[in-house]
């Protein structure tokens, strides 16, 4: 999102922008831009009840496919050791 203000006309232009914007300024003019940047990201990850099952994963994140022998695995986001 960007906010551009034309100082002479005292106009404010607000638009959503995905990648950026381009403008042309005459050589004798002065342009002032005020950019407001909003951060994005994942605040929390939600899992459904079905995702929290007894499924085993190896340490590379692959399904153990029920053929888990002895070793260290991941179950419900926790490390487990099988004898």
PDB file of N, CA and C in Angstrom:
ATOM      1  N   UNK A   1       0.851  -1.166   0.000  1.00  0.00           N
ATOM      2  CA  UNK A   1       0.000   0.000   0.000  1.00  0.00           C
ATOM      3  C   UNK A   1       0.889   1.218   0.000  1.00  0.00           C
ATOM      4  N   UNK A   2       0.568   2.173  -0.801  1.00  0.00           N
ATOM      5  CA  UNK A   2       1.368   3.389  -0.796  1.00  0.00           C
ATOM      6  C   UNK A   2       0.482   4.605  -0.638  1.00  0.00           C
ATOM      7  N   UNK A   3       1.070   5.654  -0.106  1.00  0.00           N
ATOM      8  CA  UNK A   3       0.385   6.922   0.085  1.00  0.00           C
ATOM      9  C   UNK A   3       1.268   7.975  -0.556  1.00  0.00           C
ATOM     10  N   UNK A   4       0.760   8.642  -1.585  1.00  0.00           N
ATOM     11  CA  UNK A   4       1.530   9.676  -2.275  1.00  0.00           C
ATOM     12  C   UNK A   4       0.777  10.986  -2.153  1.00  0.00           C
ATOM     13  N   UNK A   5       1.485  12.034  -1.828  1.00  0.00           N
ATOM     14  CA  UNK A   5       0.844  13.326  -1.636  1.00  0.00           C
ATOM     15  C   UNK A   5       1.434  14.340  -2.596  1.00  0.00           C
ATOM     16  N   UNK A   6       0.576  15.029  -3.320  1.00  0.00           N
ATOM     17  CA  UNK A   6       0.983  16.103  -4.225  1.00  0.00           C
ATOM     18  C   UNK A   6       0.989  17.388  -3.407  1.00  0.00           C
ATOM     19  N   UNK A   7       2.178  17.958  -3.174  1.00  0.00           N
ATOM     20  CA  UNK A   7       2.306  19.114  -2.278  1.00  0.00           C
ATOM     21  C   UNK A   7       1.622  20.362  -2.825  1.00  0.00           C
ATOM     22  N   UNK A   8       1.673  20.578  -4.152  1.00  0.00           N
ATOM     23  CA  UNK A   8       1.061  21.788  -4.708  1.00  0.00           C
ATOM     24  C   UNK A   8      -0.454  21.699  -4.697  1.00  0.00           C
ATOM     25  N   UNK A   9      -0.982  20.578  -5.096  1.00  0.00           N
ATOM     26  CA  UNK A   9      -2.437  20.445  -5.166  1.00  0.00           C
ATOM     27  C   UNK A   9      -3.021  19.954  -3.847  1.00  0.00           C
ATOM     28  N   UNK A  10      -2.151  19.559  -2.905  1.00  0.00           N
ATOM     29  CA  UNK A  10      -2.581  19.032  -1.614  1.00  0.00           C
ATOM     30  C   UNK A  10      -3.555  17.868  -1.788  1.00  0.00           C
ATOM     31  N   UNK A  11      -3.205  16.980  -2.693  1.00  0.00           N
ATOM     32  CA  UNK A  11      -4.030  15.798  -2.930  1.00  0.00           C
ATOM     33  C   UNK A  11      -3.342  14.586  -2.321  1.00  0.00           C
ATOM     34  N   UNK A  12      -4.135  13.653  -1.894  1.00  0.00           N
ATOM     35  CA  UNK A  12      -3.602  12.402  -1.364  1.00  0.00           C
ATOM     36  C   UNK A  12      -4.117  11.264  -2.226  1.00  0.00           C
ATOM     37  N   UNK A  13      -3.224  10.374  -2.594  1.00  0.00           N
ATOM     38  CA  UNK A  13      -3.565   9.238  -3.439  1.00  0.00           C
ATOM     39  C   UNK A  13      -3.238   7.974  -2.666  1.00  0.00           C
ATOM     40  N   UNK A  14      -4.222   7.122  -2.478  1.00  0.00           N
ATOM     41  CA  UNK A  14      -4.001   5.870  -1.766  1.00  0.00           C
ATOM     42  C   UNK A  14      -4.405   4.718  -2.658  1.00  0.00           C
ATOM     43  N   UNK A  15      -3.541   3.751  -2.800  1.00  0.00           N
ATOM     44  CA  UNK A  15      -3.837   2.569  -3.606  1.00  0.00           C
ATOM     45  C   UNK A  15      -3.124   1.359  -3.031  1.00  0.00           C
ATOM     46  N   UNK A  16      -3.690   0.195  -3.333  1.00  0.00           N
ATOM     47  CA  UNK A  16      -3.039  -1.061  -2.979  1.00  0.00           C
ATOM     48  C   UNK A  16      -2.101  -1.428  -4.120  1.00  0.00           C
ATOM     49  N   UNK A  17      -0.901  -1.821  -3.788  1.00  0.00           N
ATOM     50  CA  UNK A  17       0.090  -2.165  -4.799  1.00  0.00           C
ATOM     51  C   UNK A  17       0.694  -3.511  -4.434  1.00  0.00           C
ATOM     52  N   UNK A  18       0.789  -4.398  -5.413  1.00  0.00           N
ATOM     53  CA  UNK A  18       1.381  -5.706  -5.169  1.00  0.00           C
ATOM     54  C   UNK A  18       2.904  -5.648  -5.205  1.00  0.00           C
ATOM     55  N   UNK A  19       3.478  -5.024  -6.233  1.00  0.00           N
ATOM     56  CA  UNK A  19       4.930  -5.073  -6.377  1.00  0.00           C
ATOM     57  C   UNK A  19       5.597  -3.713  -6.330  1.00  0.00           C
ATOM     58  N   UNK A  20       4.919  -2.649  -6.683  1.00  0.00           N
ATOM     59  CA  UNK A  20       5.530  -1.327  -6.667  1.00  0.00           C
ATOM     60  C   UNK A  20       4.767  -0.379  -7.566  1.00  0.00           C
ATOM     61  N   UNK A  21       5.285   0.822  -7.715  1.00  0.00           N
ATOM     62  CA  UNK A  21       4.657   1.791  -8.597  1.00  0.00           C
ATOM     63  C   UNK A  21       5.727   2.655  -9.230  1.00  0.00           C
ATOM     64  N   UNK A  22       5.371   3.297 -10.328  1.00  0.00           N
ATOM     65  CA  UNK A  22       6.289   4.160 -11.065  1.00  0.00           C
ATOM     66  C   UNK A  22       5.634   5.513 -11.242  1.00  0.00           C
ATOM     67  N   UNK A  23       6.414   6.569 -11.152  1.00  0.00           N
ATOM     68  CA  UNK A  23       5.893   7.912 -11.372  1.00  0.00           C
ATOM     69  C   UNK A  23       6.926   8.727 -12.127  1.00  0.00           C
ATOM     70  N   UNK A  24       6.483   9.759 -12.806  1.00  0.00           N
ATOM     71  CA  UNK A  24       7.373  10.657 -13.541  1.00  0.00           C
ATOM     72  C   UNK A  24       7.310  12.029 -12.889  1.00  0.00           C
ATOM     73  N   UNK A  25       8.463  12.611 -12.612  1.00  0.00           N
ATOM     74  CA  UNK A  25       8.541  13.929 -11.992  1.00  0.00           C
ATOM     75  C   UNK A  25       9.306  14.844 -12.935  1.00  0.00           C
ATOM     76  N   UNK A  26       8.737  16.016 -13.215  1.00  0.00           N
ATOM     77  CA  UNK A  26       9.441  16.987 -14.057  1.00  0.00           C
ATOM     78  C   UNK A  26      10.702  17.458 -13.350  1.00  0.00           C
ATOM     79  N   UNK A  27      11.699  17.842 -14.107  1.00  0.00           N
ATOM     80  CA  UNK A  27      13.000  18.186 -13.522  1.00  0.00           C
ATOM     81  C   UNK A  27      12.930  19.417 -12.615  1.00  0.00           C
ATOM     82  N   UNK A  28      11.991  20.331 -12.850  1.00  0.00           N
ATOM     83  CA  UNK A  28      11.903  21.523 -12.013  1.00  0.00           C
ATOM     84  C   UNK A  28      10.917  21.358 -10.852  1.00  0.00           C
ATOM     85  N   UNK A  29      10.337  20.199 -10.730  1.00  0.00           N
ATOM     86  CA  UNK A  29       9.348  19.965  -9.677  1.00  0.00           C
ATOM     87  C   UNK A  29       9.982  19.213  -8.508  1.00  0.00           C
ATOM     88  N   UNK A  30       9.340  19.317  -7.382  1.00  0.00           N
ATOM     89  CA  UNK A  30       9.752  18.565  -6.202  1.00  0.00           C
ATOM     90  C   UNK A  30       8.643  17.589  -5.859  1.00  0.00           C
ATOM     91  N   UNK A  31       9.023  16.368  -5.638  1.00  0.00           N
ATOM     92  CA  UNK A  31       8.037  15.350  -5.278  1.00  0.00           C
ATOM     93  C   UNK A  31       8.388  14.797  -3.907  1.00  0.00           C
ATOM     94  N   UNK A  32       7.382  14.666  -3.076  1.00  0.00           N
ATOM     95  CA  UNK A  32       7.559  14.091  -1.749  1.00  0.00           C
ATOM     96  C   UNK A  32       6.619  12.902  -1.650  1.00  0.00           C
ATOM     97  N   UNK A  33       7.171  11.767  -1.302  1.00  0.00           N
ATOM     98  CA  UNK A  33       6.369  10.560  -1.149  1.00  0.00           C
ATOM     99  C   UNK A  33       6.502  10.063   0.278  1.00  0.00           C
ATOM    100  N   UNK A  34       5.385   9.725   0.836  1.00  0.00           N
ATOM    101  CA  UNK A  34       5.372   9.113   2.159  1.00  0.00           C
ATOM    102  C   UNK A  34       4.853   7.693   1.978  1.00  0.00           C
ATOM    103  N   UNK A  35       5.694   6.728   2.240  1.00  0.00           N
ATOM    104  CA  UNK A  35       5.315   5.330   2.053  1.00  0.00           C
ATOM    105  C   UNK A  35       4.994   4.706   3.397  1.00  0.00           C
ATOM    106  N   UNK A  36       3.866   4.039   3.446  1.00  0.00           N
ATOM    107  CA  UNK A  36       3.479   3.295   4.631  1.00  0.00           C
ATOM    108  C   UNK A  36       3.530   1.824   4.269  1.00  0.00           C
ATOM    109  N   UNK A  37       4.455   1.089   4.876  1.00  0.00           N
ATOM    110  CA  UNK A  37       4.626  -0.321   4.563  1.00  0.00           C
ATOM    111  C   UNK A  37       4.030  -1.168   5.671  1.00  0.00           C
ATOM    112  N   UNK A  38       3.298  -2.166   5.262  1.00  0.00           N
ATOM    113  CA  UNK A  38       2.665  -3.050   6.226  1.00  0.00           C
ATOM    114  C   UNK A  38       3.330  -4.418   6.123  1.00  0.00           C
ATOM    115  N   UNK A  39       3.820  -4.920   7.231  1.00  0.00           N
ATOM    116  CA  UNK A  39       4.464  -6.227   7.244  1.00  0.00           C
ATOM    117  C   UNK A  39       3.447  -7.343   7.107  1.00  0.00           C
ATOM    118  N   UNK A  40       3.881  -8.423   6.518  1.00  0.00           N
ATOM    119  CA  UNK A  40       3.026  -9.592   6.385  1.00  0.00           C
ATOM    120  C   UNK A  40       3.747 -10.789   6.967  1.00  0.00           C
ATOM    121  N   UNK A  41       3.003 -11.785   7.315  1.00  0.00           N
ATOM    122  CA  UNK A  41       3.604 -12.999   7.851  1.00  0.00           C
ATOM    123  C   UNK A  41       2.557 -13.857   8.523  1.00  0.00           C
ATOM    124  N   UNK A  42       2.986 -14.937   9.051  1.00  0.00           N
ATOM    125  CA  UNK A  42       2.102 -15.863   9.736  1.00  0.00           C
ATOM    126  C   UNK A  42       2.243 -15.620  11.230  1.00  0.00           C
ATOM    127  N   UNK A  43       1.149 -15.250  11.871  1.00  0.00           N
ATOM    128  CA  UNK A  43       1.173 -14.998  13.308  1.00  0.00           C
ATOM    129  C   UNK A  43       1.042 -16.304  14.086  1.00  0.00           C
ATOM    130  N   UNK A  44       0.133 -17.167  13.646  1.00  0.00           N
ATOM    131  CA  UNK A  44      -0.083 -18.442  14.318  1.00  0.00           C
ATOM    132  C   UNK A  44      -0.414 -19.497  13.283  1.00  0.00           C
ATOM    133  N   UNK A  45      -0.032 -20.707  13.566  1.00  0.00           N
ATOM    134  CA  UNK A  45      -0.417 -21.832  12.719  1.00  0.00           C
ATOM    135  C   UNK A  45      -1.490 -22.619  13.451  1.00  0.00           C
ATOM    136  N   UNK A  46      -2.583 -22.861  12.775  1.00  0.00           N
ATOM    137  CA  UNK A  46      -3.675 -23.618  13.379  1.00  0.00           C
ATOM    138  C   UNK A  46      -3.696 -25.018  12.786  1.00  0.00           C
ATOM    139  N   UNK A  47      -3.960 -25.992  13.617  1.00  0.00           N
ATOM    140  CA  UNK A  47      -4.088 -27.361  13.138  1.00  0.00           C
ATOM    141  C   UNK A  47      -5.444 -27.891  13.541  1.00  0.00           C
ATOM    142  N   UNK A  48      -5.988 -28.728  12.704  1.00  0.00           N
ATOM    143  CA  UNK A  48      -7.274 -29.331  13.023  1.00  0.00           C
ATOM    144  C   UNK A  48      -7.042 -30.546  13.913  1.00  0.00           C
ATOM    145  N   UNK A  49      -8.102 -31.030  14.515  1.00  0.00           N
ATOM    146  CA  UNK A  49      -7.994 -32.189  15.396  1.00  0.00           C
ATOM    147  C   UNK A  49      -7.530 -33.417  14.622  1.00  0.00           C
ATOM    148  N   UNK A  50      -7.925 -33.535  13.356  1.00  0.00           N
ATOM    149  CA  UNK A  50      -7.520 -34.691  12.563  1.00  0.00           C
ATOM    150  C   UNK A  50      -6.034 -34.656  12.235  1.00  0.00           C
ATOM    151  N   UNK A  51      -5.447 -33.480  12.204  1.00  0.00           N
ATOM    152  CA  UNK A  51      -4.016 -33.376  11.915  1.00  0.00           C
ATOM    153  C   UNK A  51      -3.185 -33.819  13.108  1.00  0.00           C
ATOM    154  N   UNK A  52      -3.754 -33.795  14.296  1.00  0.00           N
ATOM    155  CA  UNK A  52      -3.040 -34.203  15.500  1.00  0.00           C
ATOM    156  C   UNK A  52      -3.393 -35.650  15.818  1.00  0.00           C
ATOM    157  N   UNK A  53      -2.927 -36.546  14.984  1.00  0.00           N
ATOM    158  CA  UNK A  53      -3.216 -37.959  15.176  1.00  0.00           C
ATOM    159  C   UNK A  53      -1.947 -38.663  15.628  1.00  0.00           C
ATOM    160  N   UNK A  54      -1.942 -39.954  15.531  1.00  0.00           N
ATOM    161  CA  UNK A  54      -0.770 -40.733  15.914  1.00  0.00           C
ATOM    162  C   UNK A  54       0.158 -40.972  14.734  1.00  0.00           C
ATOM    163  N   UNK A  55       0.072 -40.183  13.711  1.00  0.00           N
ATOM    164  CA  UNK A  55       0.931 -40.348  12.549  1.00  0.00           C
ATOM    165  C   UNK A  55       2.375 -40.063  12.929  1.00  0.00           C
ATOM    166  N   UNK A  56       3.256 -40.945  12.510  1.00  0.00           N
ATOM    167  CA  UNK A  56       4.681 -40.786  12.789  1.00  0.00           C
ATOM    168  C   UNK A  56       5.388 -40.207  11.576  1.00  0.00           C
ATOM    169  N   UNK A  57       6.349 -39.335  11.826  1.00  0.00           N
ATOM    170  CA  UNK A  57       7.187 -38.756  10.784  1.00  0.00           C
ATOM    171  C   UNK A  57       8.635 -38.996  11.172  1.00  0.00           C
ATOM    172  N   UNK A  58       9.491 -39.214  10.171  1.00  0.00           N
ATOM    173  CA  UNK A  58      10.914 -39.312  10.490  1.00  0.00           C
ATOM    174  C   UNK A  58      11.481 -37.907  10.634  1.00  0.00           C
ATOM    175  N   UNK A  59      12.747 -37.801  10.953  1.00  0.00           N
ATOM    176  CA  UNK A  59      13.336 -36.489  11.217  1.00  0.00           C
ATOM    177  C   UNK A  59      13.479 -35.640   9.964  1.00  0.00           C
ATOM    178  N   UNK A  60      13.236 -36.233   8.781  1.00  0.00           N
ATOM    179  CA  UNK A  60      13.236 -35.468   7.529  1.00  0.00           C
ATOM    180  C   UNK A  60      11.847 -34.960   7.185  1.00  0.00           C
ATOM    181  N   UNK A  61      10.836 -35.306   8.012  1.00  0.00           N
ATOM    182  CA  UNK A  61       9.475 -34.841   7.785  1.00  0.00           C
ATOM    183  C   UNK A  61       8.644 -35.763   6.919  1.00  0.00           C
ATOM    184  N   UNK A  62       9.163 -36.943   6.596  1.00  0.00           N
ATOM    185  CA  UNK A  62       8.425 -37.904   5.766  1.00  0.00           C
ATOM    186  C   UNK A  62       7.579 -38.802   6.649  1.00  0.00           C
ATOM    187  N   UNK A  63       6.427 -39.247   6.112  1.00  0.00           N
ATOM    188  CA  UNK A  63       5.578 -40.187   6.844  1.00  0.00           C
ATOM    189  C   UNK A  63       6.353 -41.478   7.069  1.00  0.00           C
ATOM    190  N   UNK A  64       6.194 -42.050   8.249  1.00  0.00           N
ATOM    191  CA  UNK A  64       6.849 -43.324   8.542  1.00  0.00           C
ATOM    192  C   UNK A  64       6.030 -44.490   7.998  1.00  0.00           C
ATOM    193  N   UNK A  65       4.814 -44.250   7.522  1.00  0.00           N
ATOM    194  CA  UNK A  65       3.943 -45.242   6.880  1.00  0.00           C
ATOM    195  C   UNK A  65       3.665 -46.475   7.740  1.00  0.00           C
ATOM    196  N   UNK A  66       3.630 -46.327   9.028  1.00  0.00           N
ATOM    197  CA  UNK A  66       3.274 -47.434   9.906  1.00  0.00           C
ATOM    198  C   UNK A  66       4.353 -48.492  10.041  1.00  0.00           C
ATOM    199  N   UNK A  67       5.433 -48.396   9.302  1.00  0.00           N
ATOM    200  CA  UNK A  67       6.512 -49.384   9.371  1.00  0.00           C
ATOM    201  C   UNK A  67       7.654 -48.847  10.214  1.00  0.00           C
ATOM    202  N   UNK A  68       7.319 -48.165  11.286  1.00  0.00           N
ATOM    203  CA  UNK A  68       8.348 -47.534  12.109  1.00  0.00           C
ATOM    204  C   UNK A  68       9.076 -48.585  12.928  1.00  0.00           C
ATOM    205  N   UNK A  69      10.360 -48.645  12.749  1.00  0.00           N
ATOM    206  CA  UNK A  69      11.183 -49.516  13.582  1.00  0.00           C
ATOM    207  C   UNK A  69      11.793 -48.657  14.679  1.00  0.00           C
ATOM    208  N   UNK A  70      12.815 -49.141  15.328  1.00  0.00           N
ATOM    209  CA  UNK A  70      13.434 -48.371  16.404  1.00  0.00           C
ATOM    210  C   UNK A  70      14.049 -47.092  15.836  1.00  0.00           C
ATOM    211  N   UNK A  71      14.070 -46.066  16.650  1.00  0.00           N
ATOM    212  CA  UNK A  71      14.656 -44.800  16.228  1.00  0.00           C
ATOM    213  C   UNK A  71      13.896 -43.619  16.807  1.00  0.00           C
ATOM    214  N   UNK A  72      14.215 -42.449  16.318  1.00  0.00           N
ATOM    215  CA  UNK A  72      13.597 -41.209  16.784  1.00  0.00           C
ATOM    216  C   UNK A  72      12.629 -40.726  15.716  1.00  0.00           C
ATOM    217  N   UNK A  73      11.408 -40.386  16.134  1.00  0.00           N
ATOM    218  CA  UNK A  73      10.359 -39.943  15.224  1.00  0.00           C
ATOM    219  C   UNK A  73       9.669 -38.715  15.806  1.00  0.00           C
ATOM    220  N   UNK A  74       8.790 -38.121  15.007  1.00  0.00           N
ATOM    221  CA  UNK A  74       7.971 -36.988  15.435  1.00  0.00           C
ATOM    222  C   UNK A  74       6.518 -37.442  15.435  1.00  0.00           C
ATOM    223  N   UNK A  75       5.831 -37.229  16.561  1.00  0.00           N
ATOM    224  CA  UNK A  75       4.402 -37.545  16.667  1.00  0.00           C
ATOM    225  C   UNK A  75       3.734 -36.365  17.353  1.00  0.00           C
ATOM    226  N   UNK A  76       2.716 -35.793  16.720  1.00  0.00           N
ATOM    227  CA  UNK A  76       1.981 -34.639  17.258  1.00  0.00           C
ATOM    228  C   UNK A  76       2.918 -33.491  17.615  1.00  0.00           C
ATOM    229  N   UNK A  77       3.945 -33.287  16.800  1.00  0.00           N
ATOM    230  CA  UNK A  77       4.867 -32.185  17.007  1.00  0.00           C
ATOM    231  C   UNK A  77       5.888 -32.403  18.102  1.00  0.00           C
ATOM    232  N   UNK A  78       5.933 -33.624  18.648  1.00  0.00           N
ATOM    233  CA  UNK A  78       6.878 -33.921  19.725  1.00  0.00           C
ATOM    234  C   UNK A  78       7.799 -35.056  19.308  1.00  0.00           C
ATOM    235  N   UNK A  79       9.003 -35.015  19.791  1.00  0.00           N
ATOM    236  CA  UNK A  79       9.991 -36.045  19.496  1.00  0.00           C
ATOM    237  C   UNK A  79       9.706 -37.270  20.364  1.00  0.00           C
ATOM    238  N   UNK A  80       9.663 -38.440  19.734  1.00  0.00           N
ATOM    239  CA  UNK A  80       9.469 -39.697  20.462  1.00  0.00           C
ATOM    240  C   UNK A  80      10.559 -40.670  20.035  1.00  0.00           C
ATOM    241  N   UNK A  81      10.987 -41.496  20.961  1.00  0.00           N
ATOM    242  CA  UNK A  81      11.994 -42.522  20.676  1.00  0.00           C
ATOM    243  C   UNK A  81      11.332 -43.885  20.796  1.00  0.00           C
ATOM    244  N   UNK A  82      11.428 -44.681  19.750  1.00  0.00           N
ATOM    245  CA  UNK A  82      10.881 -46.034  19.773  1.00  0.00           C
ATOM    246  C   UNK A  82      12.025 -47.010  20.029  1.00  0.00           C
ATOM    247  N   UNK A  83      11.792 -47.975  20.937  1.00  0.00           N
ATOM    248  CA  UNK A  83      12.859 -48.940  21.258  1.00  0.00           C
ATOM    249  C   UNK A  83      13.126 -49.908  20.123  1.00  0.00           C
TER     250      UNK A  83
END
